Amino acid sequence: MLEMQRYGTDTVQPPVLIAHGLFGSARNWGVIAKRMSATRQVVCVDMRNHGQSPWTDSHSYPDLAADLAEVVNSLGGTADVIGHSMGGKAAMVFAMTQPDMVRRLLVADIAPVAYSHSQQSLITAMRSIDLSQVETRGDADRQLAQFVDEASVRAFLLQSLDVKARAWRLNLDVLERDMDLIVGFPEMTEQFSGPVLFLSGAMSDYVLPDHRPCIKALFPKARHARIPQAGHWLHAEKPREFEASALAFLNV
């Protein structure tokens, strides 16, 4: 079972399940989840090979989707689901393979397509840190800065570093090996005919007009919206706007 962080209490509405993206964790969503939990229960998970969840020898989307199904079963059998990036792909596969378990689906800045980019460079950067020389998060940041220019990206990655244990809370070996699966998307014959919102950052190029025919084929009721002045990390860059959009879509 995936590690869960729960916010709020049960209501007549189903819980909201949030699945984070690559190199993330449930902690990344804590602020948004806490605010959304004013009206219903919100559950954030650490995806497999991330955070406090089990490390496994597979990181395929059918397996990630099965993990989400196990969590939703434990929550009563039905949920509204939010997934960002890698978590969005897992949530889409979950919704298509277990449609009765998903009431409404919000996909944050990702499409059901294969991408050409790779996050291998960030794995290389994380591996380059000499953890034996790390006493504080600042020590790790100074080392990581030799490989990653953006302070915000370093801060995000370092949330997955256990400084005391001098270890990453990421199964870098499996994530590296399965990178093609992570940036890809499995062939799907199923559809999800429930309500779906593809919520994107207006400054992001992850969800393009060219992707719409594929989205429509798999999600016939898909709607699209964009958050102005937000990129791929739209929930971190514009948390209030993301929260408002999510609640307007889910609280129906």
Protein backbone atom coordinates (compact mmCIF):
# COMPACT_ATOMS: atom_id res chain seq x y z
CA MET A 1 0.00 0.00 0.00
CA LEU A 2 1.21 3.49 -0.81
CA GLU A 3 2.05 5.87 2.03
CA MET A 4 -0.84 8.31 2.53
CA GLN A 5 -1.30 11.72 4.12
CA ARG A 6 -4.92 12.49 4.98
CA TYR A 7 -6.53 15.87 5.46
CA GLY A 8 -10.06 16.69 6.58
CA THR A 9 -12.83 14.22 7.36
CA ASP A 10 -15.33 12.10 5.44
CA THR A 11 -18.27 13.92 3.87
CA VAL A 12 -21.12 12.91 1.57
CA GLN A 13 -18.78 13.61 -1.32
CA PRO A 14 -16.09 11.06 -2.18
CA PRO A 15 -12.52 11.78 -1.07
CA VAL A 16 -10.05 13.54 -3.34
CA LEU A 17 -6.93 11.51 -4.16
CA ILE A 18 -3.83 13.44 -5.29
CA ALA A 19 -1.00 11.74 -7.20
CA HIS A 20 2.25 13.72 -7.52
CA GLY A 21 4.73 13.85 -10.39
CA LEU A 22 8.21 12.43 -10.93
CA PHE A 23 10.68 13.08 -8.07
CA GLY A 24 7.81 14.52 -5.99
CA SER A 25 5.99 13.38 -2.87
CA ALA A 26 2.77 13.83 -0.97
CA ARG A 27 4.46 16.65 0.96
CA ASN A 28 4.58 18.79 -2.18
CA TRP A 29 0.77 18.96 -2.12
CA GLY A 30 0.27 19.49 1.61
CA VAL A 31 -0.70 23.18 1.49
CA ILE A 32 -3.24 22.74 -1.31
CA ALA A 33 -4.62 19.54 0.23
CA LYS A 34 -5.07 21.21 3.61
CA ARG A 35 -7.04 24.09 2.10
CA MET A 36 -9.17 21.82 -0.08
CA SER A 37 -9.98 19.64 2.94
CA ALA A 38 -12.25 22.32 4.40
CA THR A 39 -15.17 20.72 2.58
CA ARG A 40 -14.10 17.08 2.09
CA GLN A 41 -11.40 14.53 2.80
CA VAL A 42 -8.23 14.88 0.72
CA VAL A 43 -5.62 12.13 0.52
CA CYS A 44 -2.13 12.64 -0.91
CA VAL A 45 0.04 9.62 -1.67
CA ASP A 46 3.71 8.98 -2.16
CA MET A 47 3.86 7.12 -5.47
CA ARG A 48 5.87 3.88 -5.56
CA ASN A 49 9.65 4.37 -5.59
CA HIS A 50 9.10 7.83 -4.03
CA GLY A 51 8.97 9.17 -0.48
CA GLN A 52 7.87 6.70 2.19
CA SER A 53 6.14 4.30 -0.20
CA PRO A 54 7.60 0.88 -1.07
CA TRP A 55 10.39 0.54 -3.59
CA THR A 56 9.54 -1.95 -6.31
CA ASP A 57 11.25 -3.30 -9.41
CA SER A 58 8.65 -1.85 -11.78
CA HIS A 59 7.54 1.68 -12.57
CA SER A 60 5.05 1.07 -15.38
CA TYR A 61 1.81 3.03 -15.60
CA PRO A 62 -0.41 -0.08 -15.28
CA ASP A 63 1.37 -0.82 -11.99
CA LEU A 64 1.07 2.80 -10.79
CA ALA A 65 -2.62 2.73 -11.70
CA ALA A 66 -3.08 -0.49 -9.72
CA ASP A 67 -1.48 1.24 -6.70
CA LEU A 68 -4.05 4.04 -6.95
CA ALA A 69 -6.87 1.50 -7.22
CA GLU A 70 -5.66 -0.16 -4.01
CA VAL A 71 -5.71 3.19 -2.22
CA VAL A 72 -9.20 4.08 -3.46
CA ASN A 73 -10.47 0.65 -2.39
CA SER A 74 -9.19 1.41 1.11
CA LEU A 75 -11.05 4.75 1.04
CA GLY A 76 -14.43 3.25 0.17
CA GLY A 77 -14.17 2.39 -3.50
CA THR A 78 -14.77 5.73 -5.25
CA ALA A 79 -12.78 8.98 -5.39
CA ASP A 80 -12.22 12.15 -7.33
CA VAL A 81 -8.64 12.02 -8.60
CA ILE A 82 -6.05 14.74 -9.28
CA GLY A 83 -2.81 13.74 -10.97
CA HIS A 84 0.11 15.95 -11.98
CA SER A 85 2.60 15.00 -14.70
CA MET A 86 3.67 11.38 -14.01
CA GLY A 87 0.83 11.16 -11.48
CA GLY A 88 -1.54 12.49 -14.13
CA LYS A 89 -0.57 9.69 -16.49
CA ALA A 90 -1.05 7.13 -13.72
CA ALA A 91 -4.44 8.68 -12.90
CA MET A 92 -5.53 8.53 -16.55
CA VAL A 93 -4.64 4.83 -16.81
CA PHE A 94 -6.42 4.21 -13.49
CA ALA A 95 -9.57 5.97 -14.70
CA MET A 96 -9.62 4.07 -17.99
CA THR A 97 -9.02 0.66 -16.42
CA GLN A 98 -11.22 1.16 -13.32
CA PRO A 99 -13.85 3.70 -14.44
CA ASP A 100 -16.32 2.84 -11.68
CA MET A 101 -13.76 3.91 -9.07
CA VAL A 102 -13.24 7.44 -10.42
CA ARG A 103 -16.06 9.99 -10.25
CA ARG A 104 -14.22 13.00 -11.69
CA LEU A 105 -10.64 13.29 -12.96
CA LEU A 106 -8.39 16.35 -13.03
CA VAL A 107 -5.22 15.95 -15.09
CA ALA A 108 -2.65 18.64 -14.31
CA ASP A 109 -0.38 19.67 -17.21
CA ILE A 110 0.16 16.37 -18.97
CA ALA A 111 -1.36 14.56 -21.96
CA PRO A 112 -1.80 10.83 -22.68
CA VAL A 113 1.12 10.85 -25.11
CA ALA A 114 4.81 9.96 -25.21
CA TYR A 115 7.21 12.87 -24.75
CA SER A 116 10.70 13.19 -26.21
CA HIS A 117 12.30 14.84 -23.18
CA SER A 118 13.99 12.87 -20.41
CA GLN A 119 14.66 13.68 -16.78
CA GLN A 120 17.88 11.65 -16.86
CA SER A 121 19.98 14.76 -16.28
CA LEU A 122 18.33 15.31 -12.89
CA ILE A 123 19.03 11.72 -11.84
CA THR A 124 22.65 12.21 -12.88
CA ALA A 125 22.75 15.41 -10.83
CA MET A 126 21.32 13.72 -7.73
CA ARG A 127 23.79 10.84 -8.08
CA SER A 128 26.64 13.36 -8.30
CA ILE A 129 26.19 14.58 -4.73
CA ASP A 130 28.71 13.14 -2.28
CA LEU A 131 26.25 12.32 0.48
CA SER A 132 29.07 11.53 2.91
CA GLN A 133 29.88 15.26 2.89
CA VAL A 134 26.30 16.38 3.56
CA GLU A 135 25.58 17.63 7.08
CA THR A 136 22.79 20.08 6.18
CA ARG A 137 20.42 20.66 3.27
CA GLY A 138 22.56 23.69 2.41
CA ASP A 139 25.57 21.40 1.92
CA ALA A 140 23.56 19.35 -0.55
CA ASP A 141 22.27 22.45 -2.32
CA ARG A 142 25.79 23.78 -2.84
CA GLN A 143 26.85 20.51 -4.44
CA LEU A 144 23.71 20.24 -6.53
CA ALA A 145 24.17 23.81 -7.80
CA GLN A 146 27.14 22.58 -9.85
CA PHE A 147 24.69 20.57 -11.97
CA VAL A 148 21.30 22.33 -11.62
CA ASP A 149 21.17 26.10 -12.14
CA GLU A 150 17.57 26.74 -11.08
CA ALA A 151 17.23 27.22 -7.32
CA SER A 152 13.56 26.21 -7.43
CA VAL A 153 14.38 22.88 -9.10
CA ARG A 154 17.12 22.19 -6.53
CA ALA A 155 14.73 22.98 -3.69
CA PHE A 156 12.15 20.61 -5.17
CA LEU A 157 14.64 17.76 -5.57
CA LEU A 158 16.09 18.26 -2.10
CA GLN A 159 12.67 17.70 -0.53
CA SER A 160 13.36 14.03 -1.34
CA LEU A 161 16.72 13.96 0.43
CA ASP A 162 16.84 12.48 3.93
CA VAL A 163 19.72 14.56 5.29
CA LYS A 164 19.99 12.64 8.56
CA ALA A 165 20.15 9.27 6.78
CA ARG A 166 22.21 10.74 3.93
CA ALA A 167 19.99 8.97 1.42
CA TRP A 168 17.52 9.83 -1.33
CA ARG A 169 13.88 8.87 -0.78
CA LEU A 170 13.80 7.99 -4.47
CA ASN A 171 14.56 4.64 -6.10
CA LEU A 172 16.92 6.24 -8.60
CA ASP A 173 17.99 2.90 -10.09
CA VAL A 174 14.47 1.92 -11.16
CA LEU A 175 13.43 5.45 -12.14
CA GLU A 176 16.48 5.67 -14.37
CA ARG A 177 15.94 2.24 -15.90
CA ASP A 178 12.23 2.91 -16.56
CA MET A 179 12.61 6.52 -17.75
CA ASP A 180 11.32 5.56 -21.21
CA LEU A 181 8.15 4.18 -19.61
CA ILE A 182 7.74 7.31 -17.48
CA VAL A 183 7.99 9.78 -20.36
CA GLY A 184 5.99 7.41 -22.56
CA PHE A 185 2.36 6.30 -22.34
CA PRO A 186 0.92 2.80 -22.76
CA GLU A 187 -1.32 1.81 -25.65
CA MET A 188 -4.88 1.96 -24.31
CA THR A 189 -8.02 0.45 -25.82
CA GLU A 190 -10.30 1.62 -22.99
CA GLN A 191 -12.01 4.98 -22.54
CA PHE A 192 -13.05 6.95 -19.47
CA SER A 193 -16.43 8.52 -20.17
CA GLY A 194 -16.72 10.47 -16.92
CA PRO A 195 -15.97 14.19 -16.46
CA VAL A 196 -12.32 15.12 -17.02
CA LEU A 197 -10.57 18.48 -16.75
CA PHE A 198 -7.17 18.93 -18.39
CA LEU A 199 -5.83 21.88 -16.43
CA SER A 200 -2.61 23.29 -17.87
CA GLY A 201 -0.17 26.09 -17.27
CA ALA A 202 -0.54 28.74 -19.95
CA MET A 203 3.26 28.99 -20.22
CA SER A 204 3.76 25.22 -20.43
CA ASP A 205 4.18 23.21 -23.63
CA TYR A 206 3.16 19.85 -22.16
CA VAL A 207 -0.45 19.94 -23.43
CA LEU A 208 -0.63 21.15 -27.03
CA PRO A 209 -3.49 21.59 -29.51
CA ASP A 210 -2.05 18.61 -31.41
CA HIS A 211 -2.80 16.42 -28.38
CA ARG A 212 -6.53 17.14 -28.37
CA PRO A 213 -7.62 14.40 -30.81
CA CYS A 214 -5.86 11.79 -28.68
CA ILE A 215 -7.35 13.23 -25.50
CA LYS A 216 -10.85 13.29 -27.01
CA ALA A 217 -10.53 9.68 -28.18
CA LEU A 218 -9.69 8.42 -24.68
CA PHE A 219 -11.72 10.97 -22.68
CA PRO A 220 -14.80 11.97 -24.70
CA LYS A 221 -16.05 14.39 -22.02
CA ALA A 222 -12.68 16.14 -21.60
CA ARG A 223 -12.66 19.87 -20.98
CA HIS A 224 -9.61 22.12 -21.09
CA ALA A 225 -8.56 25.14 -19.02
CA ARG A 226 -5.34 27.07 -18.51
CA ILE A 227 -3.94 28.97 -15.55
CA PRO A 228 -2.37 32.26 -16.72
CA GLN A 229 1.32 32.89 -16.04
CA ALA A 230 1.89 29.31 -14.89
CA GLY A 231 4.25 26.69 -16.27
CA HIS A 232 4.41 22.93 -15.78
CA TRP A 233 4.48 23.28 -11.98
CA LEU A 234 1.18 25.17 -12.04
CA HIS A 235 0.08 24.01 -8.57
CA ALA A 236 3.29 25.33 -6.99
CA GLU A 237 3.47 28.52 -9.07
CA LYS A 238 -0.22 29.48 -8.76
CA PRO A 239 -1.58 27.47 -5.81
CA ARG A 240 -4.64 29.67 -5.16
CA GLU A 241 -5.68 29.60 -8.80
CA PHE A 242 -5.10 25.86 -8.99
CA GLU A 243 -7.14 25.28 -5.85
CA ALA A 244 -10.02 27.43 -7.11
CA SER A 245 -10.09 25.64 -10.47
CA ALA A 246 -9.94 22.22 -8.83
CA LEU A 247 -12.73 22.93 -6.36
CA ALA A 248 -14.97 24.43 -9.06
CA PHE A 249 -14.57 21.25 -11.11
CA LEU A 250 -14.71 18.68 -8.31
CA ASN A 251 -17.33 20.11 -5.96
CA VAL A 252 -20.31 19.20 -8.13
